[in-house]
Amino acid sequence: MATIERFEDLEIWKEARIISKKIFAISTETELKTDFGLKNQIKNFSGSVMDNIAEGFERGGNLEFRQFLSVAKGSAVETRSQLYRLFDSNYIENDKFEELKSDLEKLSGKITNFIKYLNNNDFKGNKFKEGQP
């Protein structure tokens, strides 16, 4: 396994970014663009997934990273719940709903697996390396 040196190298961050971009496109290309409350909520939740992954990674500690990953997973679940509101309000068709729901379920599973990996790893994080200020 290659060493990951930047949050941009994390597959879960890359996938969260793709989902966030898809949500943004829906918010500008559909009638959701006029539903400011719902539009802002789902954009914020989907962006929070990638942002928490990034922030947790940059904190430099395994324990903090796991906490931020947990928050990211919660934001993915909130985004998935908001998808139902988009679908129920006729902002998205069933095929787009199912695609995004599946993407979010897969991402949540990968975040869970990554948390389990970190739980079973003795690595403490970059901020605990010798010679760090």
Protein backbone atom coordinates (compact mmCIF):
# COMPACT_ATOMS: atom_id res chain seq x y z
CA MET A 1 0.00 0.00 0.00
CA ALA A 2 1.41 3.37 -1.02
CA THR A 3 2.03 5.97 1.64
CA ILE A 4 -0.62 8.66 1.66
CA GLU A 5 0.93 12.05 2.24
CA ARG A 6 -1.96 14.42 1.40
CA PHE A 7 -5.68 14.20 1.97
CA GLU A 8 -6.11 14.54 -1.80
CA ASP A 9 -4.54 11.07 -2.10
CA LEU A 10 -7.33 9.42 -0.08
CA GLU A 11 -9.84 7.50 -2.21
CA ILE A 12 -12.65 8.31 0.23
CA TRP A 13 -11.93 12.03 -0.17
CA LYS A 14 -11.90 11.71 -3.96
CA GLU A 15 -15.24 9.89 -3.91
CA ALA A 16 -16.75 12.44 -1.52
CA ARG A 17 -15.62 15.20 -3.89
CA ILE A 18 -17.34 13.53 -6.86
CA ILE A 19 -20.58 13.20 -4.90
CA SER A 20 -20.37 16.84 -3.81
CA LYS A 21 -19.91 17.90 -7.44
CA LYS A 22 -22.97 15.87 -8.48
CA ILE A 23 -25.04 17.51 -5.74
CA PHE A 24 -23.82 20.96 -6.81
CA ALA A 25 -24.84 20.22 -10.41
CA ILE A 26 -28.35 19.25 -9.26
CA SER A 27 -28.54 22.49 -7.27
CA THR A 28 -27.84 24.58 -10.36
CA GLU A 29 -29.49 22.54 -13.12
CA THR A 30 -32.86 21.71 -11.56
CA GLU A 31 -35.65 23.60 -9.84
CA LEU A 32 -33.79 22.94 -6.59
CA LYS A 33 -31.96 26.17 -7.42
CA THR A 34 -35.05 28.08 -6.21
CA ASP A 35 -35.48 26.07 -2.99
CA PHE A 36 -32.76 27.91 -1.10
CA GLY A 37 -33.15 26.13 2.24
CA LEU A 38 -33.01 22.60 0.91
CA LYS A 39 -30.37 23.51 -1.68
CA ASN A 40 -28.07 24.97 0.97
CA GLN A 41 -28.62 22.06 3.34
CA ILE A 42 -27.72 19.32 0.89
CA LYS A 43 -24.77 21.26 -0.53
CA ASN A 44 -23.44 21.86 2.99
CA PHE A 45 -23.90 18.24 4.06
CA SER A 46 -22.23 16.83 0.94
CA GLY A 47 -19.36 19.30 1.22
CA SER A 48 -18.96 18.47 4.90
CA VAL A 49 -18.11 14.85 4.01
CA MET A 50 -15.00 15.79 2.03
CA ASP A 51 -14.09 18.67 4.36
CA ASN A 52 -14.11 16.50 7.49
CA ILE A 53 -12.01 13.82 5.80
CA ALA A 54 -9.49 16.51 4.83
CA GLU A 55 -9.45 18.22 8.22
CA GLY A 56 -9.12 14.97 10.11
CA PHE A 57 -6.20 13.88 7.97
CA GLU A 58 -4.41 17.21 8.40
CA ARG A 59 -4.78 17.08 12.19
CA GLY A 60 -1.94 14.55 12.11
CA GLY A 61 -3.25 12.20 14.79
CA ASN A 62 -4.93 8.83 14.35
CA LEU A 63 -7.45 9.44 17.15
CA GLU A 64 -8.50 12.84 15.79
CA PHE A 65 -8.65 11.46 12.25
CA ARG A 66 -11.03 8.71 13.34
CA GLN A 67 -13.27 11.29 15.04
CA PHE A 68 -13.42 13.44 11.90
CA LEU A 69 -14.10 10.34 9.79
CA SER A 70 -17.03 9.59 12.07
CA VAL A 71 -18.36 13.11 11.50
CA ALA A 72 -17.82 12.69 7.73
CA LYS A 73 -19.84 9.47 7.81
CA GLY A 74 -22.62 11.30 9.66
CA SER A 75 -22.64 13.99 6.97
CA ALA A 76 -22.87 11.30 4.29
CA VAL A 77 -25.94 9.89 6.04
CA GLU A 78 -27.46 13.38 6.30
CA THR A 79 -26.83 13.88 2.59
CA ARG A 80 -28.51 10.54 1.84
CA SER A 81 -31.52 11.57 3.92
CA GLN A 82 -31.71 14.88 2.05
CA LEU A 83 -31.75 12.93 -1.23
CA TYR A 84 -35.12 11.53 -0.21
CA ARG A 85 -36.37 15.09 0.18
CA LEU A 86 -35.06 15.96 -3.30
CA PHE A 87 -36.76 12.92 -4.75
CA ASP A 88 -40.02 13.45 -2.84
CA SER A 89 -40.08 17.08 -4.01
CA ASN A 90 -39.58 15.98 -7.64
CA TYR A 91 -36.22 17.73 -7.97
CA ILE A 92 -34.54 14.50 -9.15
CA GLU A 93 -35.68 11.45 -11.07
CA ASN A 94 -35.54 7.94 -9.62
CA ASP A 95 -32.41 6.94 -11.58
CA LYS A 96 -30.40 9.92 -10.22
CA PHE A 97 -31.77 9.27 -6.73
CA GLU A 98 -30.71 5.60 -6.85
CA GLU A 99 -27.29 6.47 -8.27
CA LEU A 100 -26.49 9.01 -5.57
CA LYS A 101 -27.98 6.88 -2.79
CA SER A 102 -25.79 3.97 -3.89
CA ASP A 103 -22.72 6.25 -4.12
CA LEU A 104 -23.34 7.50 -0.57
CA GLU A 105 -23.96 4.01 0.83
CA LYS A 106 -20.70 2.77 -0.71
CA LEU A 107 -18.81 5.78 0.60
CA SER A 108 -20.23 5.30 4.11
CA GLY A 109 -19.08 1.68 4.01
CA LYS A 110 -15.59 2.69 2.90
CA ILE A 111 -15.36 5.29 5.66
CA THR A 112 -16.44 2.64 8.19
CA ASN A 113 -13.81 0.24 6.88
CA PHE A 114 -11.14 2.94 7.05
CA ILE A 115 -12.09 3.70 10.66
CA LYS A 116 -11.80 -0.04 11.46
CA TYR A 117 -8.39 -0.10 9.78
CA LEU A 118 -7.21 2.84 11.88
CA ASN A 119 -8.64 1.23 15.04
CA ASN A 120 -6.54 -1.88 14.38
CA ASN A 121 -3.35 -0.02 13.46
CA ASP A 122 -0.65 1.08 15.91
CA PHE A 123 0.14 4.13 13.79
CA LYS A 124 -0.49 7.22 15.91
CA GLY A 125 -0.13 9.90 13.23
CA ASN A 126 2.40 12.36 11.86
CA LYS A 127 2.28 14.70 14.82
CA PHE A 128 3.73 11.94 17.01
CA LYS A 129 6.80 11.27 14.84
CA GLU A 130 10.18 11.91 16.42
CA GLY A 131 11.74 15.20 15.45
CA GLN A 132 8.40 16.95 14.93
CA PRO A 133 8.22 20.38 16.58
